[in-house]
Amino acid sequence: MKEYFYLFKIHHWIKNFTIFLPVLVSHSFLTSNFSEYIIYFLIISFLSSIIYFLNNLNDFEEDIKNKKLHYSLNLDKKKIYYSVCIISFLALITFTYFINQNILFVCLFYFLLSLSYNFYLKKKKYLDILILSLFHLLRIIYGSIAFEVSLSTYFILFCSAVFLMIGSNKRLVEIDKSYANRPYRKKDKRKIKLMQLFFSFFVVFVFFLYSIDSSKDQFFIYKELFFVNLLIIILIIFNFIFIQKNKNQDIVIFIYKNKVNFILVTAFFIIFIGNSVSFYN
């Protein structure tokens, strides 16, 4: 069971909680019932696990050389593995069709893009960072369609910058660990570090613009608290880039193991939700 947990990257399901962000920022977190949240979360999570399995299968021989794996695969059974993945994918897509045909197209695009990335695009320098951020953004789009909420330009720009910052960090980690099956080398580290710093600055800049935009005031009780949220975002980014002790840890591990980050993120959402007018209606 432990091997399956890592093989299908169940611990990475935490990334899929981003599908609920459109609900939070649109101030409509009380409009959907709990069962809908569970169903849509499980659909995207099972889809991502199928993709993770295919990726782990494709990269298994290289991954053995690059890192310590918590699972094993019998490569003589590749055809069986691929058959199970195809059947699982078709079953999931059929189920999704009857649940919500609109998110079906997002799921299909997500799956096809993942195949393209795993077998080809991840070897393309810098383009792979853009594709990584697109995967996260597709989760946001999935959530907006599933829960029928619109996305503002501010929110799309903010999330895109965050995801590009995270994608840059992933490549920095791989450079430090000298992954042989990646297109980056030590000489690329400075460029990627500058990219990460630029995207982190852009995250703060976009949130600042939203903070001073008067059109948002109708949704919040105290507009001054938005600057507290801005400060928290700066602290989260500073902690992520400069303070965390283990620079080479995966972003998922950082999210749920870094105590400072957990406290800051919790404080951010408590203030954001507690300051929302719709929370009290």
Protein backbone atom coordinates (compact mmCIF):
# COMPACT_ATOMS: atom_id res chain seq x y z
CA MET A 1 0.00 0.00 0.00
CA LYS A 2 2.90 2.33 0.75
CA GLU A 3 4.33 1.69 -2.71
CA TYR A 4 1.00 2.52 -4.36
CA PHE A 5 0.82 5.68 -2.25
CA TYR A 6 4.05 6.93 -3.82
CA LEU A 7 3.59 5.35 -7.24
CA PHE A 8 0.29 7.16 -7.78
CA LYS A 9 1.57 10.16 -5.78
CA ILE A 10 -1.44 10.30 -3.48
CA HIS A 11 0.50 12.79 -1.33
CA HIS A 12 0.45 15.15 -4.33
CA TRP A 13 -3.34 15.32 -4.16
CA ILE A 14 -2.80 18.33 -1.93
CA LYS A 15 -2.09 20.28 -5.15
CA ASN A 16 -5.66 19.61 -6.27
CA PHE A 17 -7.08 21.72 -3.47
CA THR A 18 -6.34 24.65 -5.79
CA ILE A 19 -9.58 23.80 -7.62
CA PHE A 20 -11.37 25.43 -4.68
CA LEU A 21 -9.50 28.74 -4.99
CA PRO A 22 -11.98 30.17 -7.56
CA VAL A 23 -14.76 29.49 -5.06
CA LEU A 24 -12.91 31.34 -2.31
CA VAL A 25 -11.90 34.40 -4.33
CA SER A 26 -15.33 34.71 -5.94
CA HIS A 27 -16.91 34.84 -2.45
CA SER A 28 -19.24 31.97 -3.32
CA PHE A 29 -17.91 29.33 -0.93
CA LEU A 30 -21.36 28.67 0.52
CA THR A 31 -23.20 28.16 -2.79
CA SER A 32 -22.15 24.55 -3.50
CA ASN A 33 -22.94 21.51 -1.38
CA PHE A 34 -20.25 19.35 0.22
CA SER A 35 -20.87 16.34 -2.05
CA GLU A 36 -20.04 18.43 -5.13
CA TYR A 37 -16.74 19.47 -3.61
CA ILE A 38 -15.85 15.84 -2.90
CA ILE A 39 -16.84 14.53 -6.35
CA TYR A 40 -14.97 17.19 -8.32
CA PHE A 41 -11.92 16.85 -6.09
CA LEU A 42 -11.83 13.07 -6.59
CA ILE A 43 -12.22 13.35 -10.38
CA ILE A 44 -9.18 15.62 -10.79
CA SER A 45 -7.23 13.63 -8.18
CA PHE A 46 -7.79 10.25 -9.85
CA LEU A 47 -6.95 11.79 -13.21
CA SER A 48 -3.70 13.21 -11.86
CA SER A 49 -2.82 9.83 -10.29
CA ILE A 50 -3.25 8.08 -13.64
CA ILE A 51 -0.95 10.67 -15.20
CA TYR A 52 1.58 10.34 -12.37
CA PHE A 53 1.60 6.58 -12.84
CA LEU A 54 2.30 6.90 -16.57
CA ASN A 55 5.05 9.41 -15.85
CA ASN A 56 6.62 7.17 -13.20
CA LEU A 57 6.45 4.23 -15.59
CA ASN A 58 8.07 6.20 -18.41
CA ASP A 59 10.82 7.66 -16.19
CA PHE A 60 11.41 4.66 -13.93
CA GLU A 61 14.85 3.70 -15.25
CA GLU A 62 16.14 7.28 -15.07
CA ASP A 63 14.51 7.95 -11.71
CA ILE A 64 16.36 5.02 -10.17
CA LYS A 65 19.61 6.76 -11.04
CA ASN A 66 18.50 10.23 -9.92
CA LYS A 67 16.71 9.68 -6.62
CA LYS A 68 15.61 7.25 -3.96
CA LEU A 69 12.29 5.72 -4.95
CA HIS A 70 9.65 4.43 -2.54
CA TYR A 71 8.19 2.05 -5.09
CA SER A 72 9.27 -0.61 -7.59
CA LEU A 73 8.03 -1.53 -11.06
CA ASN A 74 8.39 -4.69 -13.12
CA LEU A 75 9.17 -3.29 -16.56
CA ASP A 76 8.39 -6.67 -18.13
CA LYS A 77 4.75 -5.90 -17.37
CA LYS A 78 4.66 -2.54 -19.15
CA LYS A 79 1.84 -3.59 -21.46
CA ILE A 80 -0.29 -4.61 -18.48
CA TYR A 81 0.43 -1.30 -16.73
CA TYR A 82 -0.51 0.71 -19.81
CA SER A 83 -3.69 -1.35 -20.27
CA VAL A 84 -4.76 -0.69 -16.69
CA CYS A 85 -4.11 3.04 -17.16
CA ILE A 86 -6.14 3.20 -20.38
CA ILE A 87 -9.08 1.32 -18.83
CA SER A 88 -8.96 3.50 -15.71
CA PHE A 89 -8.80 6.67 -17.80
CA LEU A 90 -11.74 5.64 -19.99
CA ALA A 91 -13.81 4.73 -16.92
CA LEU A 92 -13.02 8.07 -15.29
CA ILE A 93 -13.82 10.04 -18.46
CA THR A 94 -17.12 8.19 -18.86
CA PHE A 95 -18.04 9.00 -15.26
CA THR A 96 -17.04 12.65 -15.79
CA TYR A 97 -19.22 12.85 -18.91
CA PHE A 98 -22.32 12.06 -16.88
CA ILE A 99 -21.32 14.40 -14.05
CA ASN A 100 -20.37 17.51 -16.00
CA GLN A 101 -19.64 17.61 -19.73
CA ASN A 102 -17.98 21.02 -19.44
CA ILE A 103 -15.14 19.83 -17.23
CA LEU A 104 -14.71 16.81 -19.52
CA PHE A 105 -12.89 18.98 -22.08
CA VAL A 106 -10.56 20.36 -19.40
CA CYS A 107 -9.77 16.81 -18.25
CA LEU A 108 -9.06 15.63 -21.79
CA PHE A 109 -6.80 18.60 -22.49
CA TYR A 110 -5.03 18.11 -19.15
CA PHE A 111 -4.43 14.44 -19.97
CA LEU A 112 -3.17 15.05 -23.52
CA LEU A 113 -0.92 17.90 -22.41
CA SER A 114 0.48 15.66 -19.68
CA LEU A 115 1.31 12.93 -22.20
CA SER A 116 3.02 15.49 -24.44
CA TYR A 117 4.95 16.84 -21.48
CA ASN A 118 6.03 13.47 -20.09
CA PHE A 119 7.22 12.09 -23.41
CA TYR A 120 8.58 15.23 -25.10
CA LEU A 121 8.00 18.76 -23.76
CA LYS A 122 9.77 18.31 -20.42
CA LYS A 123 13.03 18.03 -22.34
CA LYS A 124 12.57 21.51 -23.81
CA LYS A 125 14.46 24.05 -21.74
CA TYR A 126 12.34 26.88 -20.23
CA LEU A 127 9.23 25.77 -22.15
CA ASP A 128 8.86 22.99 -19.59
CA ILE A 129 8.56 25.56 -16.78
CA LEU A 130 5.71 27.24 -18.65
CA ILE A 131 3.96 23.88 -19.13
CA LEU A 132 4.36 23.07 -15.43
CA SER A 133 2.64 26.33 -14.50
CA LEU A 134 -0.08 25.58 -17.05
CA PHE A 135 -0.89 22.31 -15.27
CA HIS A 136 -1.59 24.25 -12.07
CA LEU A 137 -3.57 26.87 -13.95
CA LEU A 138 -5.69 24.17 -15.57
CA ARG A 139 -6.71 23.06 -12.07
CA ILE A 140 -7.90 26.62 -11.42
CA ILE A 141 -9.85 26.64 -14.69
CA TYR A 142 -11.27 23.20 -13.84
CA GLY A 143 -12.52 24.58 -10.51
CA SER A 144 -14.04 27.69 -12.07
CA ILE A 145 -16.00 25.56 -14.57
CA ALA A 146 -17.00 22.90 -12.04
CA PHE A 147 -18.33 25.44 -9.53
CA GLU A 148 -19.55 27.93 -12.16
CA VAL A 149 -17.54 30.96 -11.05
CA SER A 150 -15.70 33.44 -13.26
CA LEU A 151 -12.02 34.27 -12.96
CA SER A 152 -10.78 37.86 -12.81
CA THR A 153 -7.71 39.07 -14.67
CA TYR A 154 -6.03 39.84 -11.35
CA PHE A 155 -6.55 36.29 -10.16
CA ILE A 156 -5.28 34.68 -13.37
CA LEU A 157 -2.15 36.85 -13.41
CA PHE A 158 -1.52 36.26 -9.71
CA CYS A 159 -1.87 32.47 -9.98
CA SER A 160 0.21 32.31 -13.18
CA ALA A 161 3.08 34.17 -11.49
CA VAL A 162 2.88 31.92 -8.40
CA PHE A 163 2.95 28.77 -10.52
CA LEU A 164 5.86 30.04 -12.65
CA MET A 165 7.76 30.81 -9.45
CA ILE A 166 7.08 27.27 -8.19
CA GLY A 167 8.05 25.73 -11.55
CA SER A 168 11.33 27.64 -11.51
CA ASN A 169 12.04 26.34 -8.01
CA LYS A 170 11.45 22.76 -9.16
CA ARG A 171 14.12 23.14 -11.82
CA LEU A 172 16.54 24.71 -9.33
CA VAL A 173 16.08 21.67 -7.11
CA GLU A 174 16.80 19.32 -10.01
CA ILE A 175 19.94 21.27 -10.98
CA ASP A 176 21.26 21.01 -7.42
CA LYS A 177 20.56 17.27 -7.46
CA SER A 178 22.13 16.88 -10.95
CA TYR A 179 19.23 15.04 -12.56
CA ALA A 180 20.58 13.43 -15.72
CA ASN A 181 17.25 13.28 -17.57
CA ARG A 182 16.62 17.04 -17.42
CA PRO A 183 17.83 19.64 -19.95
CA TYR A 184 19.31 21.98 -17.30
CA ARG A 185 22.88 22.18 -16.03
CA LYS A 186 24.73 24.22 -13.41
CA LYS A 187 25.28 27.07 -15.87
CA ASP A 188 21.49 27.56 -16.15
CA LYS A 189 21.00 28.04 -12.41
CA ARG A 190 21.57 31.82 -12.38
CA LYS A 191 19.04 32.43 -15.18
CA ILE A 192 16.37 30.31 -13.51
CA LYS A 193 17.03 31.99 -10.16
CA LEU A 194 16.49 35.40 -11.79
CA MET A 195 13.28 34.08 -13.38
CA GLN A 196 12.07 32.90 -9.99
CA LEU A 197 12.82 36.29 -8.40
CA PHE A 198 11.03 38.09 -11.24
CA PHE A 199 7.92 35.93 -10.89
CA SER A 200 7.91 36.37 -7.11
CA PHE A 201 8.07 40.15 -7.55
CA PHE A 202 5.23 39.96 -10.06
CA VAL A 203 3.10 38.00 -7.54
CA VAL A 204 3.46 40.82 -5.02
CA PHE A 205 2.93 43.50 -7.66
CA VAL A 206 -0.36 42.00 -8.92
CA PHE A 207 -1.72 41.57 -5.40
CA PHE A 208 -0.74 45.16 -4.58
CA LEU A 209 -2.63 46.43 -7.65
CA TYR A 210 -5.68 44.48 -6.53
CA SER A 211 -5.31 45.86 -2.98
CA ILE A 212 -5.57 49.47 -4.20
CA ASP A 213 -8.34 48.76 -6.72
CA SER A 214 -11.53 50.27 -5.28
CA SER A 215 -13.76 47.87 -7.26
CA LYS A 216 -12.94 45.11 -4.75
CA ASP A 217 -14.17 47.11 -1.72
CA GLN A 218 -17.76 45.94 -2.18
CA PHE A 219 -16.69 42.38 -1.34
CA PHE A 220 -14.80 43.13 1.87
CA ILE A 221 -15.63 44.68 5.23
CA TYR A 222 -12.29 46.29 6.02
CA LYS A 223 -10.20 47.19 2.97
CA GLU A 224 -7.19 47.94 5.24
CA LEU A 225 -6.89 44.22 6.07
CA PHE A 226 -5.92 43.61 2.47
CA PHE A 227 -2.54 45.16 3.19
CA VAL A 228 -2.09 42.65 6.01
CA ASN A 229 -2.73 39.92 3.42
CA LEU A 230 -0.17 41.59 1.15
CA LEU A 231 2.40 41.50 3.95
CA ILE A 232 1.66 37.81 4.57
CA ILE A 233 2.20 37.02 0.88
CA ILE A 234 5.57 38.78 0.99
CA LEU A 235 6.54 36.76 4.07
CA ILE A 236 5.44 33.47 2.44
CA ILE A 237 7.51 34.17 -0.66
CA PHE A 238 10.51 35.33 1.37
CA ASN A 239 10.29 32.17 3.50
CA PHE A 240 9.97 29.98 0.40
CA ILE A 241 12.91 31.49 -1.50
CA PHE A 242 15.35 32.59 1.19
CA ILE A 243 14.57 31.23 4.69
CA GLN A 244 13.55 27.56 4.42
CA LYS A 245 16.40 25.34 5.61
CA ASN A 246 15.99 22.58 3.06
CA LYS A 247 16.27 24.36 -0.29
CA ASN A 248 16.02 21.09 -2.20
CA GLN A 249 12.66 19.91 -0.95
CA ASP A 250 9.68 19.48 -3.25
CA ILE A 251 7.02 22.20 -3.17
CA VAL A 252 4.43 19.68 -1.90
CA ILE A 253 6.63 18.79 1.06
CA PHE A 254 7.22 22.48 1.70
CA ILE A 255 3.48 23.18 1.72
CA TYR A 256 2.57 20.76 4.49
CA LYS A 257 5.86 20.37 6.42
CA ASN A 258 7.11 23.94 6.72
CA LYS A 259 5.52 25.17 9.96
CA VAL A 260 6.13 28.87 9.26
CA ASN A 261 4.50 28.56 5.85
CA PHE A 262 1.53 26.65 7.31
CA ILE A 263 0.93 29.37 9.91
CA LEU A 264 1.23 32.16 7.32
CA VAL A 265 -1.09 30.50 4.79
CA THR A 266 -3.65 29.73 7.51
CA ALA A 267 -3.53 33.34 8.70
CA PHE A 268 -3.97 34.59 5.14
CA PHE A 269 -7.15 32.59 4.53
CA ILE A 270 -8.60 33.35 7.97
CA ILE A 271 -8.22 37.07 7.29
CA PHE A 272 -9.39 36.82 3.68
CA ILE A 273 -12.49 34.74 4.40
CA GLY A 274 -13.28 36.50 7.68
CA ASN A 275 -13.10 39.86 5.92
CA SER A 276 -15.47 38.77 3.14
CA VAL A 277 -18.95 40.28 3.15
CA SER A 278 -20.51 37.10 1.71
CA PHE A 279 -19.20 35.04 4.66
CA TYR A 280 -21.75 36.72 6.94
CA ASN A 281 -24.69 36.63 4.51
